């Protein structure tokens, strides 16, 4: 029985098509995961922006009741202003940039904590419906921020695993897919706060 002359070419062509199909689907998969990380980052920024948008209303409400707490109110607005100036491109994010972003947002959280602590001294403020609604929205936003940060870290992990696994690591290296950074716990978060009475 005689072998067809073109069988070798057919096999080589099939192998090339399989490799080409794998390369295209692998590349497209990495692009999809990269975009998912960017999308999750946008969700993080959206939640921080939501919190930032609530702050002026909260400060204004507190200001009406706690006029002599101007230092605390100014600190909240200054932290908000600083945090809104820190911008990050998720496709080019360095650990230092992410740390700077986290610090700025942490400063807002600290300032808001001080603001909410002083409200304990003002029973009329604590009973104000507008204040209660803003406080509730702020608490909900903080929860959304935590969820958005977790979702971002999960998407970044999935992407990072994909670009490091063989054989996609070859495509990742060829096309410049680089590791994404994570949100990390703030320094000292591993220690329980010391409470004294």
Protein backbone atom coordinates (compact mmCIF):
# COMPACT_ATOMS: atom_id res chain seq x y z
CA UNK A 1 0.00 0.00 0.00
CA UNK A 2 1.31 3.35 -1.03
CA UNK A 3 1.47 6.35 1.37
CA UNK A 4 0.07 9.62 0.08
CA UNK A 5 2.83 12.09 -0.70
CA UNK A 6 1.09 14.96 1.06
CA UNK A 7 0.50 13.17 4.38
CA UNK A 8 3.59 14.76 5.97
CA UNK A 9 2.44 18.21 4.91
CA UNK A 10 -1.06 17.57 6.21
CA UNK A 11 0.26 16.49 9.61
CA UNK A 12 2.61 19.49 9.80
CA UNK A 13 -0.24 21.81 8.78
CA UNK A 14 -2.52 20.31 11.43
CA UNK A 15 0.16 20.76 14.12
CA UNK A 16 0.70 24.38 13.07
CA UNK A 17 -3.07 25.03 13.18
CA UNK A 18 -3.36 23.46 16.64
CA UNK A 19 -0.46 25.59 17.95
CA UNK A 20 -1.92 28.70 16.32
CA UNK A 21 -5.37 28.01 17.81
CA UNK A 22 -3.83 27.43 21.25
CA UNK A 23 -1.82 30.66 20.97
CA UNK A 24 -4.82 32.76 19.94
CA UNK A 25 -7.13 31.32 22.60
CA UNK A 26 -4.42 31.57 25.27
CA UNK A 27 -3.65 35.18 24.38
CA UNK A 28 -7.34 36.10 24.34
CA UNK A 29 -7.81 34.41 27.71
CA UNK A 30 -4.96 36.45 29.20
CA UNK A 31 -6.41 39.65 27.74
CA UNK A 32 -9.78 38.79 29.30
CA UNK A 33 -8.21 38.19 32.70
CA UNK A 34 -6.17 41.39 32.45
CA UNK A 35 -9.34 43.34 31.67
CA UNK A 36 -11.12 41.63 34.58
CA UNK A 37 -8.42 42.91 36.95
CA UNK A 38 -8.75 46.43 35.53
CA UNK A 39 -12.53 46.21 35.91
CA UNK A 40 -12.24 45.11 39.54
CA UNK A 41 -9.86 48.02 40.15
CA UNK A 42 -12.44 50.39 38.68
CA UNK A 43 -14.97 48.95 41.14
CA UNK A 44 -12.57 49.66 44.02
CA UNK A 45 -12.16 53.26 42.86
CA UNK A 46 -15.93 53.63 42.45
CA UNK A 47 -16.52 52.62 46.06
CA UNK A 48 -13.81 54.95 47.34
CA UNK A 49 -15.34 57.73 45.23
CA UNK A 50 -18.75 56.97 46.72
CA UNK A 51 -17.26 57.36 50.19
CA UNK A 52 -15.52 60.55 49.15
CA UNK A 53 -18.81 61.96 47.84
CA UNK A 54 -20.55 61.26 51.17
CA UNK A 55 -17.92 63.07 53.26
CA UNK A 56 -18.88 66.70 52.49
CA UNK A 57 -22.52 66.01 53.44
CA UNK A 58 -21.45 64.25 56.63
CA UNK A 59 -19.06 67.05 57.57
CA UNK A 60 -21.71 69.67 56.82
CA UNK A 61 -24.25 67.89 59.02
CA UNK A 62 -21.79 67.50 61.90
CA UNK A 63 -20.62 71.12 61.51
CA UNK A 64 -24.12 72.35 62.32
CA UNK A 65 -24.01 70.62 65.70
CA UNK A 66 -20.31 70.62 66.59
CA UNK A 67 -19.02 74.04 65.59
CA UNK A 68 -16.05 73.94 67.97
CA UNK A 69 -14.80 70.66 66.45
CA UNK A 70 -13.43 72.50 63.42
CA UNK A 71 -10.00 70.87 63.66
CA UNK A 72 -11.50 67.40 63.26
CA UNK A 73 -13.77 68.54 60.44
CA UNK A 74 -10.86 70.16 58.61
CA UNK A 75 -8.76 67.00 59.05
CA UNK A 76 -11.51 64.92 57.41
CA UNK A 77 -11.75 67.27 54.44
CA UNK A 78 -7.94 67.44 54.09
CA UNK A 79 -7.68 63.63 54.11
CA UNK A 80 -10.46 63.42 51.53
CA UNK A 81 -8.73 65.98 49.34
CA UNK A 82 -5.41 64.14 49.56
CA UNK A 83 -7.00 60.77 48.80
CA UNK A 84 -8.78 62.03 45.70
CA UNK A 85 -5.47 63.28 44.28
CA UNK A 86 -3.83 59.84 44.33
CA UNK A 87 -4.56 58.13 41.01
CA UNK A 88 -3.40 54.72 39.84
CA UNK A 89 -3.34 53.10 36.41
CA UNK A 90 -4.06 49.42 37.22
CA UNK A 91 -2.16 48.20 34.16
CA UNK A 92 1.01 49.96 35.35
CA UNK A 93 0.60 49.80 39.13
CA UNK A 94 3.73 49.42 41.25
CA UNK A 95 3.70 48.22 44.87
CA UNK A 96 4.77 51.71 45.94
CA UNK A 97 1.85 53.37 44.12
CA UNK A 98 -0.62 50.91 45.60
CA UNK A 99 0.87 51.48 49.05
CA UNK A 100 0.56 55.26 48.61
CA UNK A 101 -3.06 54.83 47.50
CA UNK A 102 -3.80 52.59 50.49
CA UNK A 103 -2.19 55.08 52.88
CA UNK A 104 -4.23 57.98 51.52
CA UNK A 105 -7.45 55.98 51.83
CA UNK A 106 -6.40 54.80 55.30
CA UNK A 107 -5.94 58.43 56.34
CA UNK A 108 -9.54 59.10 55.28
CA UNK A 109 -10.72 56.12 57.32
CA UNK A 110 -8.80 57.36 60.38
CA UNK A 111 -10.16 60.90 60.03
CA UNK A 112 -13.70 59.59 59.62
CA UNK A 113 -13.25 57.45 62.72
CA UNK A 114 -12.30 60.54 64.72
CA UNK A 115 -15.26 62.43 63.29
CA UNK A 116 -17.70 59.70 64.21
CA UNK A 117 -16.14 59.44 67.68
CA UNK A 118 -16.81 63.11 68.44
CA UNK A 119 -20.45 62.65 67.52
CA UNK A 120 -20.86 60.70 70.75
CA UNK A 121 -20.65 64.06 72.55
CA UNK A 122 -23.68 65.42 70.69
CA UNK A 123 -26.92 63.52 71.41
CA UNK A 124 -28.94 65.86 69.18
CA UNK A 125 -26.63 65.06 66.26
CA UNK A 126 -26.89 61.32 66.91
CA UNK A 127 -30.68 61.67 66.70
CA UNK A 128 -30.60 63.73 63.48
CA UNK A 129 -32.20 61.71 60.66
CA UNK A 130 -29.88 63.13 58.00
CA UNK A 131 -26.84 62.21 60.08
CA UNK A 132 -28.16 58.71 60.76
CA UNK A 133 -28.80 58.16 57.06
CA UNK A 134 -25.33 59.44 56.09
CA UNK A 135 -23.72 57.29 58.78
CA UNK A 136 -25.60 54.24 57.49
CA UNK A 137 -24.57 54.97 53.91
CA UNK A 138 -20.97 55.38 55.04
CA UNK A 139 -21.02 52.05 56.85
CA UNK A 140 -22.49 50.38 53.77
CA UNK A 141 -19.83 51.98 51.61
CA UNK A 142 -17.05 50.72 53.88
CA UNK A 143 -18.46 47.21 53.45
CA UNK A 144 -18.60 47.68 49.68
CA UNK A 145 -14.98 48.87 49.70
CA UNK A 146 -13.92 45.70 51.52
CA UNK A 147 -15.81 43.52 49.03
CA UNK A 148 -14.39 45.43 46.05
CA UNK A 149 -10.84 45.11 47.40
CA UNK A 150 -11.31 41.37 47.94
CA UNK A 151 -12.74 40.96 44.43
CA UNK A 152 -9.77 42.89 43.02
CA UNK A 153 -7.30 40.69 44.89
CA UNK A 154 -9.12 37.54 43.70
CA UNK A 155 -9.03 38.69 40.07
CA UNK A 156 -5.36 39.69 40.38
CA UNK A 157 -4.53 36.28 41.87
CA UNK A 158 -6.33 34.43 39.07
CA UNK A 159 -4.50 36.52 36.48
CA UNK A 160 -1.12 36.13 38.21
CA UNK A 161 -1.53 32.36 38.40
CA UNK A 162 -2.49 32.22 34.72
CA UNK A 163 0.58 34.16 33.54
CA UNK A 164 2.93 32.03 35.64
CA UNK A 165 1.58 28.60 34.62
CA UNK A 166 3.19 26.75 31.77
CA UNK A 167 2.51 26.98 28.82
CA UNK A 168 0.69 30.34 29.12
CA UNK A 169 3.80 31.73 30.78
CA UNK A 170 5.40 31.60 27.33
CA UNK A 171 2.63 33.76 25.87
CA UNK A 172 2.72 36.08 28.87
CA UNK A 173 6.45 36.61 28.41
CA UNK A 174 6.14 37.12 24.67
CA UNK A 175 3.35 39.68 24.93
CA UNK A 176 4.41 41.52 28.08
CA UNK A 177 1.73 40.41 30.54
CA UNK A 178 3.13 41.36 33.94
CA UNK A 179 2.19 40.44 37.49
CA UNK A 180 -0.50 42.53 39.18
CA UNK A 181 -0.06 43.80 42.73
CA UNK A 182 -2.47 43.15 45.56
CA UNK A 183 -4.09 45.22 48.25
CA UNK A 184 -2.37 44.23 51.45
CA UNK A 185 -3.27 44.70 55.08
CA UNK A 186 -2.07 47.99 56.48
CA UNK A 187 1.05 47.97 58.63
CA UNK A 188 0.15 47.01 62.19
CA UNK A 189 -3.18 45.47 61.21
CA UNK A 190 -2.01 42.11 62.54
CA UNK A 191 -1.96 43.52 66.09
CA UNK A 192 -5.15 43.90 68.06
CA UNK A 193 -5.80 47.50 69.12
CA UNK A 194 -5.07 48.30 72.74
CA UNK A 195 -8.12 49.55 74.55
CA UNK A 196 -7.81 51.39 77.81
CA UNK A 197 -10.52 52.80 80.04
